[in-house]
Structure formats: structure tokens, C-alpha cells
């Protein structure tokens, strides 16, 4: 992940090494200690690679987007692209975010495929175990992720199967991200943000928390809520489509978001 971009942009690579205290290139390309799958390492790695790919896009002279958005961690890259903070500031925030989220344990997440979000909400509300779970990601009309205690996730699986779910898959994650169980981490991260200066976005950034553009006067408050709030990706994409956006470009490794927008377009 990242490949020759680490050499091409040796200045940012060196800055990343200094901020993180280890070689980002070694982590991404070799992962000698098997750490890349841990969220406190995954998040900085993704931020750096996304940032390098965005910088390459800019250097190629590609047209500036009308809007930017990022899913969960990717929102930090969207904010970077919009000039809200510089590379080092963004990476420092991501390092802190990953460390705080990495300290949370005792929960999990599951992908629920084939049921509409309102149906999922009704199923969760119908049981005691379900009421202890939150919707972490609204990804598409037929793809939602729930989060909370693993025992409760396992307890509601039968309810979803009875409702005709196409797939119910426990995800390989270390904690219930984007749920009420992240609120302590969210509050601590909010205190960390108090010492950071943010610029107003030069490009509208669609926030995960609201599915609307970041307010120029409250970047800090909106960003602080993200860790413990649902990622409203479906609403974000539908909102852009409703505004007439027809071209979406995914900047980063993989094509998960490209597949999601394709699913959303087909389901409208």
C-alpha cells in the first residue's frame, strides 16, 4: 500500500516518520511486526497513503472537485484536501484518534446486507439486546453496519435471519467504532482538538455526522462528534446526487466507496 509514492514524496514520508516515531513505508509495505491490522497503526497508514495519492492527483493538474467527502478515517483526508489543516496537523490528529480508539475493547461490529435501514432500526428496537446496539455505518440502501457488545450482536443475528437478511457478517475489528461505546474516547479527543487551529474549508466537505457540509465556524465540534456517531454515508451520497453530482472519484487504495456509490445509484 503506497508503493513508489513514499519515494516520490520523500518530504511527507519523512514528516510522517517523525510524527509517528516509526517508518510508515516499512509499516505499509512490509509490516514486519504484524501491526498494520491494529487500528492505532491502520489509521495513520491509511491517512498517509490517501494523502500521498491526493497530492499526486494535484500534481497531475486534475480538476478540483466541487465537493469532498471521506468515510470515517477518510474524512480527515477530505479535510486535508479542503485546506482545513496541513499534512502534519492531520496526521497528528489521526495518530491521537487511532490511539484513543485502539484503547476501547469489549465490543464488535457486524455488516447487515439486504435490509433497509428503517427495517434494521425496527429489529434492533424490538429486543433488549438490540437496544444495546447502534447503527455505526449507513453505507447503502441495503448495507448497514451495527456495533456494540459482541454477545448482543450474536443475540440479534437470529432476528435478522428471520427477517430475511441476505448476509449478517461479524467484522474483524477490535471495538464497536462509531457507537455510544466510543463516547469516552470521543470526549477525550474533543479536548485534544481544543488546542488545534482549523481553517475554513476551501471546498465543501460533507460531514459523516450530519451528511451536510462542515460549518466553517464549527469544524472542531463537528469533527469531535465523529468518533461516537453514525457514519451517514448513504445520506451524504444521496444528498450529492440530489444536487446534480454525476461524477464520483475515489482517491485512495481500493474501490470500496466506488462500489457503494454504484449500489446507491442503482437503488434510487
Protein backbone atom coordinates (compact mmCIF):
# COMPACT_ATOMS: atom_id res chain seq x y z
CA UNK A 1 0.00 0.00 0.00
CA UNK A 2 1.58 3.26 -1.13
CA UNK A 3 4.34 1.82 -3.32
CA UNK A 4 6.58 4.36 -5.03
CA UNK A 5 4.66 7.30 -3.56
CA UNK A 6 6.83 7.09 -0.44
CA UNK A 7 9.89 7.76 -2.60
CA UNK A 8 8.18 10.31 -4.83
CA UNK A 9 7.06 12.33 -1.83
CA UNK A 10 10.01 11.77 0.46
CA UNK A 11 9.33 15.03 2.32
CA UNK A 12 5.90 13.96 3.57
CA UNK A 13 7.18 10.44 4.21
CA UNK A 14 9.95 11.83 6.42
CA UNK A 15 7.47 14.07 8.24
CA UNK A 16 5.20 11.07 8.83
CA UNK A 17 8.09 9.07 10.28
CA UNK A 18 8.85 11.93 12.66
CA UNK A 19 5.23 12.35 13.80
CA UNK A 20 4.65 8.61 14.25
CA UNK A 21 8.04 7.51 15.55
CA UNK A 22 8.36 4.64 13.08
CA UNK A 23 8.81 4.07 9.35
CA UNK A 24 5.47 4.47 7.59
CA UNK A 25 6.93 2.96 4.43
CA UNK A 26 8.07 -0.15 6.30
CA UNK A 27 4.68 -0.50 8.01
CA UNK A 28 2.72 -0.24 4.76
CA UNK A 29 4.97 -2.30 2.51
CA UNK A 30 6.46 -4.89 4.88
CA UNK A 31 4.57 -4.81 8.20
CA UNK A 32 7.38 -6.75 9.92
CA UNK A 33 5.71 -6.76 13.34
CA UNK A 34 2.19 -7.55 12.13
CA UNK A 35 0.84 -4.20 13.33
CA UNK A 36 -0.93 -2.89 10.22
CA UNK A 37 -4.22 -4.54 11.23
CA UNK A 38 -4.34 -2.69 14.58
CA UNK A 39 -6.43 0.47 14.40
CA UNK A 40 -3.75 2.63 16.04
CA UNK A 41 -1.50 1.74 13.09
CA UNK A 42 -4.14 1.26 10.38
CA UNK A 43 -5.49 4.78 10.72
CA UNK A 44 -2.19 6.67 10.29
CA UNK A 45 -1.21 4.34 7.45
CA UNK A 46 -4.43 4.98 5.56
CA UNK A 47 -4.25 8.72 6.16
CA UNK A 48 -0.69 8.92 4.82
CA UNK A 49 -1.34 6.80 1.73
CA UNK A 50 -4.58 8.67 0.97
CA UNK A 51 -2.75 11.98 1.39
CA UNK A 52 0.07 10.95 -0.95
CA UNK A 53 -2.44 9.82 -3.56
CA UNK A 54 -4.29 13.13 -3.26
CA UNK A 55 -1.01 15.05 -3.63
CA UNK A 56 -0.21 13.04 -6.76
CA UNK A 57 -3.63 13.94 -8.15
CA UNK A 58 -2.99 17.64 -7.52
CA UNK A 59 0.46 17.42 -9.13
CA UNK A 60 -1.10 15.86 -12.21
CA UNK A 61 -3.17 19.01 -12.66
CA UNK A 62 -6.51 17.27 -12.31
CA UNK A 63 -9.59 19.50 -11.90
CA UNK A 64 -10.51 20.45 -8.34
CA UNK A 65 -13.67 18.72 -7.07
CA UNK A 66 -16.87 20.58 -6.27
CA UNK A 67 -17.23 18.59 -3.02
CA UNK A 68 -15.09 16.22 -0.98
CA UNK A 69 -16.13 13.51 1.49
CA UNK A 70 -14.46 10.64 3.29
CA UNK A 71 -15.80 7.58 5.07
CA UNK A 72 -14.81 7.54 8.75
CA UNK A 73 -11.00 7.98 8.79
CA UNK A 74 -11.19 9.19 5.19
CA UNK A 75 -12.95 12.33 6.37
CA UNK A 76 -9.58 13.56 7.64
CA UNK A 77 -8.21 13.29 4.12
CA UNK A 78 -11.22 15.21 2.82
CA UNK A 79 -10.49 17.95 5.34
CA UNK A 80 -6.83 17.95 4.29
CA UNK A 81 -7.86 18.27 0.64
CA UNK A 82 -10.08 21.22 1.57
CA UNK A 83 -7.22 23.02 3.32
CA UNK A 84 -8.69 22.79 6.82
CA UNK A 85 -5.31 21.69 8.18
CA UNK A 86 -1.89 20.75 6.83
CA UNK A 87 -0.45 17.25 6.46
CA UNK A 88 1.42 17.17 9.78
CA UNK A 89 -1.55 18.51 11.74
CA UNK A 90 -3.88 16.00 10.11
CA UNK A 91 -1.56 13.08 10.79
CA UNK A 92 -1.07 14.18 14.40
CA UNK A 93 -4.85 14.19 14.87
CA UNK A 94 -5.19 10.78 13.23
CA UNK A 95 -2.42 9.38 15.43
CA UNK A 96 -4.30 10.54 18.53
CA UNK A 97 -7.64 9.32 17.16
CA UNK A 98 -6.23 5.88 16.40
CA UNK A 99 -4.61 5.60 19.83
CA UNK A 100 -7.82 6.53 21.65
CA UNK A 101 -9.99 4.23 19.57
CA UNK A 102 -7.44 1.44 19.96
CA UNK A 103 -7.84 1.56 23.75
CA UNK A 104 -11.53 0.68 23.53
CA UNK A 105 -12.26 -3.04 23.69
CA UNK A 106 -15.04 -5.47 24.51
CA UNK A 107 -17.23 -4.91 21.51
CA UNK A 108 -17.56 -5.57 17.82
CA UNK A 109 -19.36 -4.75 14.60
CA UNK A 110 -21.43 -6.64 12.05
CA UNK A 111 -22.39 -5.92 8.46
CA UNK A 112 -26.08 -6.37 7.71
CA UNK A 113 -26.78 -6.86 4.00
CA UNK A 114 -30.14 -6.94 2.28
CA UNK A 115 -32.39 -4.97 4.63
CA UNK A 116 -33.32 -1.29 4.53
CA UNK A 117 -32.07 0.97 7.35
CA UNK A 118 -35.56 1.55 8.78
CA UNK A 119 -36.18 -2.20 8.96
CA UNK A 120 -32.87 -2.69 10.75
CA UNK A 121 -33.76 0.02 13.26
CA UNK A 122 -37.10 -1.67 13.97
CA UNK A 123 -35.44 -5.04 14.56
CA UNK A 124 -32.92 -3.53 16.96
CA UNK A 125 -35.64 -1.70 18.88
CA UNK A 126 -37.66 -4.90 19.31
CA UNK A 127 -35.24 -6.65 21.70
CA UNK A 128 -33.24 -5.84 24.80
CA UNK A 129 -30.02 -6.93 23.12
CA UNK A 130 -30.86 -4.88 20.05
CA UNK A 131 -31.42 -1.74 22.09
CA UNK A 132 -27.82 -2.04 23.33
CA UNK A 133 -26.59 -1.84 19.73
CA UNK A 134 -26.15 1.18 17.48
CA UNK A 135 -26.03 1.67 13.75
CA UNK A 136 -22.40 2.57 13.09
CA UNK A 137 -22.46 2.97 9.30
CA UNK A 138 -25.31 3.69 6.93
CA UNK A 139 -23.39 2.62 3.83
CA UNK A 140 -26.07 1.97 1.19
CA UNK A 141 -29.80 1.30 0.96
CA UNK A 142 -29.12 -2.40 1.55
CA UNK A 143 -25.85 -2.27 3.51
CA UNK A 144 -25.64 -1.20 7.15
CA UNK A 145 -23.13 -1.85 9.93
CA UNK A 146 -24.17 -2.25 13.56
CA UNK A 147 -21.92 -2.01 16.62
CA UNK A 148 -21.93 -2.86 20.31
CA UNK A 149 -21.22 -5.75 22.67
CA UNK A 150 -20.36 -8.92 20.74
CA UNK A 151 -22.80 -11.01 22.78
CA UNK A 152 -25.64 -8.68 21.80
CA UNK A 153 -24.63 -8.76 18.14
CA UNK A 154 -24.71 -12.55 18.23
CA UNK A 155 -28.06 -12.47 20.07
CA UNK A 156 -29.81 -10.44 17.34
CA UNK A 157 -28.46 -12.49 14.44
CA UNK A 158 -31.47 -14.83 14.56
CA UNK A 159 -33.84 -11.86 14.45
CA UNK A 160 -32.21 -10.60 11.28
CA UNK A 161 -32.21 -14.05 9.72
CA UNK A 162 -35.93 -14.36 10.46
CA UNK A 163 -36.44 -11.01 8.70
CA UNK A 164 -34.79 -12.33 5.55
CA UNK A 165 -31.36 -10.71 5.78
CA UNK A 166 -29.12 -11.66 2.86
CA UNK A 167 -25.95 -11.68 4.95
CA UNK A 168 -25.05 -10.99 8.57
CA UNK A 169 -21.28 -10.90 8.98
CA UNK A 170 -19.27 -10.23 12.13
CA UNK A 171 -16.42 -7.90 11.16
CA UNK A 172 -12.80 -8.33 12.17
CA UNK A 173 -12.49 -5.21 14.30
CA UNK A 174 -11.26 -4.65 17.83
CA UNK A 175 -14.01 -2.35 19.10
CA UNK A 176 -17.53 -1.02 18.41
CA UNK A 177 -16.50 2.05 16.41
CA UNK A 178 -18.99 4.87 15.72
CA UNK A 179 -21.28 3.87 18.59
CA UNK A 180 -22.20 5.03 22.08
CA UNK A 181 -19.36 2.87 23.40
CA UNK A 182 -16.84 5.29 21.89
CA UNK A 183 -18.15 8.31 23.77
CA UNK A 184 -15.34 8.39 26.35
CA UNK A 185 -12.78 8.34 23.54
CA UNK A 186 -14.83 10.97 21.71
CA UNK A 187 -14.82 13.30 24.70
CA UNK A 188 -11.09 12.91 25.24
CA UNK A 189 -10.42 13.52 21.56
CA UNK A 190 -12.60 16.62 21.73
CA UNK A 191 -10.35 18.01 24.46
CA UNK A 192 -7.35 17.33 22.23
CA UNK A 193 -9.00 19.29 19.41
CA UNK A 194 -9.32 22.35 21.65
CA UNK A 195 -5.66 23.16 21.02
CA UNK A 196 -5.86 22.92 17.22
CA UNK A 197 -6.46 25.79 14.80
CA UNK A 198 -8.66 24.96 11.81
CA UNK A 199 -9.12 26.93 8.60
CA UNK A 200 -12.49 27.25 6.90
CA UNK A 201 -12.88 24.58 4.18
CA UNK A 202 -11.88 25.85 0.73
CA UNK A 203 -14.05 23.09 -0.76
CA UNK A 204 -17.32 21.91 0.85
CA UNK A 205 -16.60 18.84 2.99
CA UNK A 206 -19.60 16.58 3.58
CA UNK A 207 -19.55 15.54 7.24
CA UNK A 208 -20.20 11.94 8.29
CA UNK A 209 -22.16 13.13 11.32
CA UNK A 210 -24.65 15.40 9.53
CA UNK A 211 -24.47 14.38 5.84
CA UNK A 212 -24.15 18.12 5.19
CA UNK A 213 -21.19 20.44 4.57
CA UNK A 214 -18.93 21.20 7.52
CA UNK A 215 -19.87 24.58 9.00
CA UNK A 216 -16.98 27.00 8.56
CA UNK A 217 -17.37 28.17 12.16
CA UNK A 218 -17.56 24.74 13.83
CA UNK A 219 -15.07 22.35 12.28
CA UNK A 220 -13.89 21.39 15.76
CA UNK A 221 -17.31 20.49 17.14
CA UNK A 222 -18.35 18.51 14.08
CA UNK A 223 -15.10 16.57 13.94
CA UNK A 224 -15.19 15.80 17.67
CA UNK A 225 -18.56 14.04 17.33
CA UNK A 226 -17.46 11.75 14.53
CA UNK A 227 -15.82 9.00 16.61
CA UNK A 228 -19.01 8.20 18.54
CA UNK A 229 -21.60 8.94 15.85
CA UNK A 230 -23.01 7.05 12.89
CA UNK A 231 -21.30 7.46 9.53
CA UNK A 232 -24.18 8.73 7.39
CA UNK A 233 -22.60 7.77 4.08
CA UNK A 234 -25.86 6.87 2.37
CA UNK A 235 -27.44 10.24 3.18
CA UNK A 236 -24.23 12.00 2.17
CA UNK A 237 -24.17 10.39 -1.27
CA UNK A 238 -27.90 10.81 -1.84
CA UNK A 239 -27.53 14.49 -0.95
CA UNK A 240 -24.79 14.93 -3.55
CA UNK A 241 -26.83 13.09 -6.16
CA UNK A 242 -29.82 15.31 -5.39
CA UNK A 243 -27.60 18.34 -6.05
CA UNK A 244 -26.81 17.02 -9.51
CA UNK A 245 -23.40 15.47 -8.88
CA UNK A 246 -22.85 12.78 -11.52
CA UNK A 247 -19.12 12.01 -11.31
CA UNK A 248 -17.52 10.48 -8.23
CA UNK A 249 -13.79 9.80 -7.93
CA UNK A 250 -12.28 7.64 -5.19
CA UNK A 251 -8.80 8.79 -4.14
CA UNK A 252 -7.06 6.11 -2.11
CA UNK A 253 -6.24 2.40 -2.18
CA UNK A 254 -9.09 0.12 -3.19
CA UNK A 255 -12.54 0.76 -4.63
CA UNK A 256 -14.94 0.13 -1.74
CA UNK A 257 -16.54 3.57 -1.96
CA UNK A 258 -16.83 3.34 -5.74
CA UNK A 259 -18.80 0.13 -5.31
CA UNK A 260 -21.01 1.77 -2.69
CA UNK A 261 -21.94 4.74 -4.88
CA UNK A 262 -22.69 2.34 -7.73
CA UNK A 263 -25.07 0.41 -5.44
CA UNK A 264 -26.68 3.62 -4.22
CA UNK A 265 -27.25 4.89 -7.77
CA UNK A 266 -28.83 1.60 -8.82
CA UNK A 267 -31.17 1.57 -5.82
CA UNK A 268 -32.56 5.09 -6.27
